All heavy atoms as atom14 arrays in JSON, in Angstrom:
{
  "sequence": "SITKLMTALVALDANQPMNERIEVTVEDVPIMHN",
  "atom14_mask": [
    [1, 1, 1, 1, 1, 1, 0, 0, 0, 0, 0, 0, 0, 0],
    [1, 1, 1, 1, 1, 1, 1, 1, 0, 0, 0, 0, 0, 0],
    [1, 1, 1, 1, 1, 1, 1, 0, 0, 0, 0, 0, 0, 0],
    [1, 1, 1, 1, 1, 1, 1, 1, 1, 0, 0, 0, 0, 0],
    [1, 1, 1, 1, 1, 1, 1, 1, 0, 0, 0, 0, 0, 0],
    [1, 1, 1, 1, 1, 1, 1, 1, 0, 0, 0, 0, 0, 0],
    [1, 1, 1, 1, 1, 1, 1, 0, 0, 0, 0, 0, 0, 0],
    [1, 1, 1, 1, 1, 0, 0, 0, 0, 0, 0, 0, 0, 0],
    [1, 1, 1, 1, 1, 1, 1, 1, 0, 0, 0, 0, 0, 0],
    [1, 1, 1, 1, 1, 1, 1, 0, 0, 0, 0, 0, 0, 0],
    [1, 1, 1, 1, 1, 0, 0, 0, 0, 0, 0, 0, 0, 0],
    [1, 1, 1, 1, 1, 1, 1, 1, 0, 0, 0, 0, 0, 0],
    [1, 1, 1, 1, 1, 1, 1, 1, 0, 0, 0, 0, 0, 0],
    [1, 1, 1, 1, 1, 0, 0, 0, 0, 0, 0, 0, 0, 0],
    [1, 1, 1, 1, 1, 1, 1, 1, 0, 0, 0, 0, 0, 0],
    [1, 1, 1, 1, 1, 1, 1, 1, 1, 0, 0, 0, 0, 0],
    [1, 1, 1, 1, 1, 1, 1, 0, 0, 0, 0, 0, 0, 0],
    [1, 1, 1, 1, 1, 1, 1, 1, 0, 0, 0, 0, 0, 0],
    [1, 1, 1, 1, 1, 1, 1, 1, 0, 0, 0, 0, 0, 0],
    [1, 1, 1, 1, 1, 1, 1, 1, 1, 0, 0, 0, 0, 0],
    [1, 1, 1, 1, 1, 1, 1, 1, 1, 1, 1, 0, 0, 0],
    [1, 1, 1, 1, 1, 1, 1, 1, 0, 0, 0, 0, 0, 0],
    [1, 1, 1, 1, 1, 1, 1, 1, 1, 0, 0, 0, 0, 0],
    [1, 1, 1, 1, 1, 1, 1, 0, 0, 0, 0, 0, 0, 0],
    [1, 1, 1, 1, 1, 1, 1, 0, 0, 0, 0, 0, 0, 0],
    [1, 1, 1, 1, 1, 1, 1, 0, 0, 0, 0, 0, 0, 0],
    [1, 1, 1, 1, 1, 1, 1, 1, 1, 0, 0, 0, 0, 0],
    [1, 1, 1, 1, 1, 1, 1, 1, 0, 0, 0, 0, 0, 0],
    [1, 1, 1, 1, 1, 1, 1, 0, 0, 0, 0, 0, 0, 0],
    [1, 1, 1, 1, 1, 1, 1, 0, 0, 0, 0, 0, 0, 0],
    [1, 1, 1, 1, 1, 1, 1, 1, 0, 0, 0, 0, 0, 0],
    [1, 1, 1, 1, 1, 1, 1, 1, 0, 0, 0, 0, 0, 0],
    [1, 1, 1, 1, 1, 1, 1, 1, 1, 1, 0, 0, 0, 0],
    [1, 1, 1, 1, 1, 1, 1, 1, 0, 0, 0, 0, 0, 0]
  ],
  "atom14_positions": [
    [[-40.61, 2.89, -90.91], [-39.83, 3.27, -89.73], [-38.61, 4.14, -90.01], [-37.92, 4.55, -89.08], [-39.38, 2.02, -88.98], [-40.46, 1.45, -88.27], [0.0, 0.0, 0.0], [0.0, 0.0, 0.0], [0.0, 0.0, 0.0], [0.0, 0.0, 0.0], [0.0, 0.0, 0.0], [0.0, 0.0, 0.0], [0.0, 0.0, 0.0], [0.0, 0.0, 0.0]],
    [[-38.36, 4.48, -91.29], [-37.35, 5.51, -91.56], [-37.77, 6.79, -90.84], [-36.94, 7.63, -90.5], [-37.22, 5.75, -93.08], [-36.95, 4.43, -93.83], [-36.09, 6.73, -93.35], [-35.71, 3.69, -93.4], [0.0, 0.0, 0.0], [0.0, 0.0, 0.0], [0.0, 0.0, 0.0], [0.0, 0.0, 0.0], [0.0, 0.0, 0.0], [0.0, 0.0, 0.0]],
    [[-39.07, 6.94, -90.62], [-39.65, 8.04, -89.85], [-38.87, 8.28, -88.55], [-38.7, 9.42, -88.11], [-41.11, 7.71, -89.49], [-41.88, 7.69, -90.69], [-41.71, 8.7, -88.51], [0.0, 0.0, 0.0], [0.0, 0.0, 0.0], [0.0, 0.0, 0.0], [0.0, 0.0, 0.0], [0.0, 0.0, 0.0], [0.0, 0.0, 0.0], [0.0, 0.0, 0.0]],
    [[-38.4, 7.2, -87.92], [-37.81, 7.31, -86.57], [-36.53, 8.12, -86.55], [-36.1, 8.58, -85.48], [-37.61, 5.91, -85.99], [-38.91, 5.17, -85.71], [-38.65, 3.85, -85.0], [-39.94, 3.1, -84.66], [-40.5, 2.4, -85.82], [0.0, 0.0, 0.0], [0.0, 0.0, 0.0], [0.0, 0.0, 0.0], [0.0, 0.0, 0.0], [0.0, 0.0, 0.0]],
    [[-35.87, 8.31, -87.7], [-34.73, 9.21, -87.72], [-35.17, 10.63, -87.37], [-34.51, 11.34, -86.59], [-34.06, 9.21, -89.09], [-33.09, 8.06, -89.39], [-32.55, 8.2, -90.8], [-31.93, 8.04, -88.39], [0.0, 0.0, 0.0], [0.0, 0.0, 0.0], [0.0, 0.0, 0.0], [0.0, 0.0, 0.0], [0.0, 0.0, 0.0], [0.0, 0.0, 0.0]],
    [[-36.29, 11.08, -87.96], [-36.8, 12.42, -87.62], [-37.32, 12.44, -86.19], [-37.15, 13.44, -85.47], [-37.89, 12.83, -88.6], [-38.43, 14.23, -88.35], [-37.17, 15.53, -88.55], [-37.18, 15.71, -90.36], [0.0, 0.0, 0.0], [0.0, 0.0, 0.0], [0.0, 0.0, 0.0], [0.0, 0.0, 0.0], [0.0, 0.0, 0.0], [0.0, 0.0, 0.0]],
    [[-37.96, 11.37, -85.75], [-38.41, 11.27, -84.36], [-37.25, 11.5, -83.4], [-37.37, 12.27, -82.43], [-39.02, 9.86, -84.1], [-40.16, 9.7, -84.93], [-39.43, 9.7, -82.64], [0.0, 0.0, 0.0], [0.0, 0.0, 0.0], [0.0, 0.0, 0.0], [0.0, 0.0, 0.0], [0.0, 0.0, 0.0], [0.0, 0.0, 0.0], [0.0, 0.0, 0.0]],
    [[-36.11, 10.9, -83.68], [-34.93, 11.05, -82.83], [-34.4, 12.46, -82.85], [-34.07, 13.03, -81.79], [-33.86, 10.06, -83.25], [0.0, 0.0, 0.0], [0.0, 0.0, 0.0], [0.0, 0.0, 0.0], [0.0, 0.0, 0.0], [0.0, 0.0, 0.0], [0.0, 0.0, 0.0], [0.0, 0.0, 0.0], [0.0, 0.0, 0.0], [0.0, 0.0, 0.0]],
    [[-34.33, 13.06, -84.02], [-33.8, 14.41, -84.12], [-34.64, 15.42, -83.36], [-34.14, 16.28, -82.64], [-33.67, 14.84, -85.59], [-32.31, 14.57, -86.25], [-31.9, 13.11, -86.15], [-32.33, 15.02, -87.7], [0.0, 0.0, 0.0], [0.0, 0.0, 0.0], [0.0, 0.0, 0.0], [0.0, 0.0, 0.0], [0.0, 0.0, 0.0], [0.0, 0.0, 0.0]],
    [[-35.95, 15.3, -83.47], [-36.84, 16.23, -82.77], [-36.76, 16.0, -81.27], [-36.73, 16.97, -80.48], [-38.3, 16.07, -83.28], [-39.27, 16.86, -82.43], [-38.38, 16.54, -84.74], [0.0, 0.0, 0.0], [0.0, 0.0, 0.0], [0.0, 0.0, 0.0], [0.0, 0.0, 0.0], [0.0, 0.0, 0.0], [0.0, 0.0, 0.0], [0.0, 0.0, 0.0]],
    [[-36.7, 14.76, -80.84], [-36.58, 14.45, -79.42], [-35.27, 15.03, -78.85], [-35.25, 15.61, -77.76], [-36.63, 12.95, -79.18], [0.0, 0.0, 0.0], [0.0, 0.0, 0.0], [0.0, 0.0, 0.0], [0.0, 0.0, 0.0], [0.0, 0.0, 0.0], [0.0, 0.0, 0.0], [0.0, 0.0, 0.0], [0.0, 0.0, 0.0], [0.0, 0.0, 0.0]],
    [[-34.18, 14.9, -79.59], [-32.89, 15.42, -79.13], [-32.85, 16.94, -79.09], [-32.24, 17.52, -78.2], [-31.77, 14.86, -80.01], [-31.44, 13.39, -79.8], [-30.59, 12.87, -80.95], [-30.71, 13.19, -78.47], [0.0, 0.0, 0.0], [0.0, 0.0, 0.0], [0.0, 0.0, 0.0], [0.0, 0.0, 0.0], [0.0, 0.0, 0.0], [0.0, 0.0, 0.0]],
    [[-33.5, 17.57, -80.04], [-33.49, 19.04, -80.08], [-34.23, 19.67, -78.91], [-34.09, 20.86, -78.65], [-34.07, 19.54, -81.4], [-33.03, 19.61, -82.51], [-31.83, 19.57, -82.19], [-33.4, 19.71, -83.68], [0.0, 0.0, 0.0], [0.0, 0.0, 0.0], [0.0, 0.0, 0.0], [0.0, 0.0, 0.0], [0.0, 0.0, 0.0], [0.0, 0.0, 0.0]],
    [[-35.05, 18.88, -78.2], [-35.77, 19.41, -77.04], [-34.84, 19.54, -75.82], [-35.22, 20.2, -74.83], [-36.94, 18.51, -76.68], [0.0, 0.0, 0.0], [0.0, 0.0, 0.0], [0.0, 0.0, 0.0], [0.0, 0.0, 0.0], [0.0, 0.0, 0.0], [0.0, 0.0, 0.0], [0.0, 0.0, 0.0], [0.0, 0.0, 0.0], [0.0, 0.0, 0.0]],
    [[-33.66, 18.91, -75.89], [-32.67, 18.99, -74.8], [-33.23, 18.55, -73.46], [-32.87, 19.1, -72.41], [-32.12, 20.43, -74.69], [-31.3, 20.83, -75.91], [-30.49, 20.05, -76.4], [-31.54, 22.04, -76.4], [0.0, 0.0, 0.0], [0.0, 0.0, 0.0], [0.0, 0.0, 0.0], [0.0, 0.0, 0.0], [0.0, 0.0, 0.0], [0.0, 0.0, 0.0]],
    [[-34.08, 17.54, -73.48], [-34.57, 16.96, -72.24], [-33.54, 15.98, -71.69], [-32.76, 15.4, -72.44], [-35.9, 16.26, -72.48], [-37.02, 17.2, -72.89], [-38.28, 16.45, -73.26], [-38.37, 15.9, -74.36], [-39.25, 16.4, -72.37], [0.0, 0.0, 0.0], [0.0, 0.0, 0.0], [0.0, 0.0, 0.0], [0.0, 0.0, 0.0], [0.0, 0.0, 0.0]],
    [[-33.55, 15.74, -70.37], [-32.55, 14.84, -69.78], [-32.68, 13.41, -70.33], [-33.76, 12.83, -70.31], [-32.88, 14.87, -68.28], [-33.65, 16.13, -68.07], [-34.42, 16.36, -69.34], [0.0, 0.0, 0.0], [0.0, 0.0, 0.0], [0.0, 0.0, 0.0], [0.0, 0.0, 0.0], [0.0, 0.0, 0.0], [0.0, 0.0, 0.0], [0.0, 0.0, 0.0]],
    [[-31.57, 12.87, -70.81], [-31.58, 11.54, -71.38], [-31.68, 10.45, -70.32], [-32.08, 9.33, -70.59], [-30.36, 11.31, -72.25], [-30.4, 12.06, -73.57], [-31.7, 11.5, -74.71], [-32.79, 12.92, -74.71], [0.0, 0.0, 0.0], [0.0, 0.0, 0.0], [0.0, 0.0, 0.0], [0.0, 0.0, 0.0], [0.0, 0.0, 0.0], [0.0, 0.0, 0.0]],
    [[-31.31, 10.8, -69.07], [-31.38, 9.8, -67.99], [-32.72, 9.82, -67.26], [-32.96, 9.01, -66.36], [-30.24, 9.98, -67.0], [-30.25, 11.37, -66.32], [-31.07, 12.22, -66.69], [-29.37, 11.58, -65.38], [0.0, 0.0, 0.0], [0.0, 0.0, 0.0], [0.0, 0.0, 0.0], [0.0, 0.0, 0.0], [0.0, 0.0, 0.0], [0.0, 0.0, 0.0]],
    [[-33.61, 10.75, -67.63], [-34.93, 10.81, -66.99], [-35.77, 9.62, -67.39], [-35.87, 9.26, -68.59], [-35.66, 12.1, -67.41], [-37.03, 12.24, -66.8], [-37.79, 13.44, -67.31], [-37.24, 14.19, -68.15], [-38.94, 13.65, -66.88], [0.0, 0.0, 0.0], [0.0, 0.0, 0.0], [0.0, 0.0, 0.0], [0.0, 0.0, 0.0], [0.0, 0.0, 0.0]],
    [[-36.39, 8.98, -66.4], [-37.27, 7.84, -66.71], [-38.66, 8.35, -67.11], [-39.25, 9.15, -66.39], [-37.37, 6.88, -65.5], [-36.06, 6.12, -65.29], [-36.19, 5.0, -64.28], [-34.99, 4.16, -64.32], [-34.85, 3.1, -65.08], [-35.86, 2.71, -65.85], [-33.73, 2.41, -65.06], [0.0, 0.0, 0.0], [0.0, 0.0, 0.0], [0.0, 0.0, 0.0]],
    [[-39.14, 7.86, -68.25], [-40.4, 8.3, -68.79], [-41.35, 7.09, -68.91], [-40.91, 5.96, -69.11], [-40.25, 9.02, -70.13], [-39.49, 8.13, -71.14], [-39.5, 10.34, -69.95], [-39.31, 8.77, -72.51], [0.0, 0.0, 0.0], [0.0, 0.0, 0.0], [0.0, 0.0, 0.0], [0.0, 0.0, 0.0], [0.0, 0.0, 0.0], [0.0, 0.0, 0.0]],
    [[-42.62, 7.35, -68.76], [-43.61, 6.27, -68.77], [-43.95, 5.83, -70.19], [-44.2, 6.66, -71.07], [-44.89, 6.72, -68.06], [-45.93, 5.62, -67.95], [-47.14, 6.05, -67.16], [-47.02, 6.98, -66.34], [-48.23, 5.47, -67.38], [0.0, 0.0, 0.0], [0.0, 0.0, 0.0], [0.0, 0.0, 0.0], [0.0, 0.0, 0.0], [0.0, 0.0, 0.0]],
    [[-43.95, 4.54, -70.4], [-44.27, 3.98, -71.7], [-45.78, 4.11, -71.94], [-46.6, 3.63, -71.17], [-43.87, 2.48, -71.77], [-44.3, 1.88, -73.1], [-42.36, 2.35, -71.58], [0.0, 0.0, 0.0], [0.0, 0.0, 0.0], [0.0, 0.0, 0.0], [0.0, 0.0, 0.0], [0.0, 0.0, 0.0], [0.0, 0.0, 0.0], [0.0, 0.0, 0.0]],
    [[-46.14, 4.8, -73.03], [-47.53, 4.97, -73.38], [-47.68, 5.16, -74.88], [-46.76, 5.64, -75.54], [-48.15, 6.17, -72.63], [-49.53, 6.31, -73.03], [-47.42, 7.47, -72.97], [0.0, 0.0, 0.0], [0.0, 0.0, 0.0], [0.0, 0.0, 0.0], [0.0, 0.0, 0.0], [0.0, 0.0, 0.0], [0.0, 0.0, 0.0], [0.0, 0.0, 0.0]],
    [[-48.82, 4.75, -75.4], [-49.14, 4.95, -76.82], [-50.49, 5.65, -76.96], [-51.09, 5.65, -78.03], [-49.16, 3.61, -77.57], [-47.79, 2.94, -77.51], [-50.24, 2.67, -77.05], [0.0, 0.0, 0.0], [0.0, 0.0, 0.0], [0.0, 0.0, 0.0], [0.0, 0.0, 0.0], [0.0, 0.0, 0.0], [0.0, 0.0, 0.0], [0.0, 0.0, 0.0]],
    [[-50.95, 6.25, -75.88], [-52.3, 6.79, -75.81], [-52.67, 7.7, -76.96], [-53.78, 7.63, -77.5], [-52.46, 7.56, -74.48], [-53.83, 8.13, -74.25], [-53.94, 8.86, -72.92], [-52.96, 8.83, -72.15], [-55.01, 9.46, -72.67], [0.0, 0.0, 0.0], [0.0, 0.0, 0.0], [0.0, 0.0, 0.0], [0.0, 0.0, 0.0], [0.0, 0.0, 0.0]],
    [[-51.75, 8.58, -77.37], [-52.06, 9.58, -78.4], [-51.57, 9.18, -79.8], [-51.48, 10.03, -80.7], [-51.45, 10.93, -78.01], [-52.08, 11.5, -76.76], [-53.27, 11.21, -76.52], [-51.39, 12.22, -76.01], [0.0, 0.0, 0.0], [0.0, 0.0, 0.0], [0.0, 0.0, 0.0], [0.0, 0.0, 0.0], [0.0, 0.0, 0.0], [0.0, 0.0, 0.0]],
    [[-51.29, 7.9, -79.99], [-50.93, 7.36, -81.31], [-51.92, 6.22, -81.62], [-51.63, 5.05, -81.37], [-49.48, 6.85, -81.35], [-49.09, 6.46, -82.77], [-48.51, 7.9, -80.79], [0.0, 0.0, 0.0], [0.0, 0.0, 0.0], [0.0, 0.0, 0.0], [0.0, 0.0, 0.0], [0.0, 0.0, 0.0], [0.0, 0.0, 0.0], [0.0, 0.0, 0.0]],
    [[-53.1, 6.55, -82.14], [-54.15, 5.55, -82.33], [-53.71, 4.31, -83.1], [-54.17, 3.2, -82.78], [-55.23, 6.33, -83.09], [-55.03, 7.75, -82.67], [-53.55, 7.91, -82.52], [0.0, 0.0, 0.0], [0.0, 0.0, 0.0], [0.0, 0.0, 0.0], [0.0, 0.0, 0.0], [0.0, 0.0, 0.0], [0.0, 0.0, 0.0], [0.0, 0.0, 0.0]],
    [[-52.83, 4.46, -84.08], [-52.42, 3.33, -84.87], [-51.64, 2.29, -84.07], [-51.51, 1.14, -84.47], [-51.61, 3.79, -86.11], [-51.6, 2.7, -87.19], [-50.19, 4.18, -85.7], [-51.09, 3.19, -88.52], [0.0, 0.0, 0.0], [0.0, 0.0, 0.0], [0.0, 0.0, 0.0], [0.0, 0.0, 0.0], [0.0, 0.0, 0.0], [0.0, 0.0, 0.0]],
    [[-51.17, 2.69, -82.9], [-50.38, 1.8, -82.04], [-51.24, 0.99, -81.08], [-50.73, 0.07, -80.42], [-49.39, 2.64, -81.22], [-48.14, 3.04, -81.95], [-47.07, 1.63, -82.22], [-46.75, 1.1, -80.54], [0.0, 0.0, 0.0], [0.0, 0.0, 0.0], [0.0, 0.0, 0.0], [0.0, 0.0, 0.0], [0.0, 0.0, 0.0], [0.0, 0.0, 0.0]],
    [[-52.52, 1.26, -81.01], [-53.33, 0.68, -79.92], [-53.43, -0.84, -79.97], [-53.62, -1.49, -78.94], [-54.73, 1.32, -79.91], [-54.72, 2.73, -79.46], [-55.85, 3.52, -79.39], [-53.7, 3.55, -79.06], [-55.53, 4.72, -78.97], [-54.24, 4.77, -78.77], [0.0, 0.0, 0.0], [0.0, 0.0, 0.0], [0.0, 0.0, 0.0], [0.0, 0.0, 0.0]],
    [[-53.3, -1.44, -81.13], [-53.38, -2.91, -81.23], [-52.07, -3.52, -81.74], [-52.07, -4.64, -82.24], [-54.53, -3.3, -82.14], [-55.87, -2.91, -81.58], [-56.16, -3.18, -80.42], [-56.71, -2.27, -82.38], [0.0, 0.0, 0.0], [0.0, 0.0, 0.0], [0.0, 0.0, 0.0], [0.0, 0.0, 0.0], [0.0, 0.0, 0.0], [0.0, 0.0, 0.0]]
  ]
}
């Protein structure tokens, strides 16, 4: 999960609204399905 530091940086660099509500999904991350 040290990975999540890079996950955060890439998400922040997109400059999307932080207050926007987004739907929880794992559809495109197969390792998360179970």
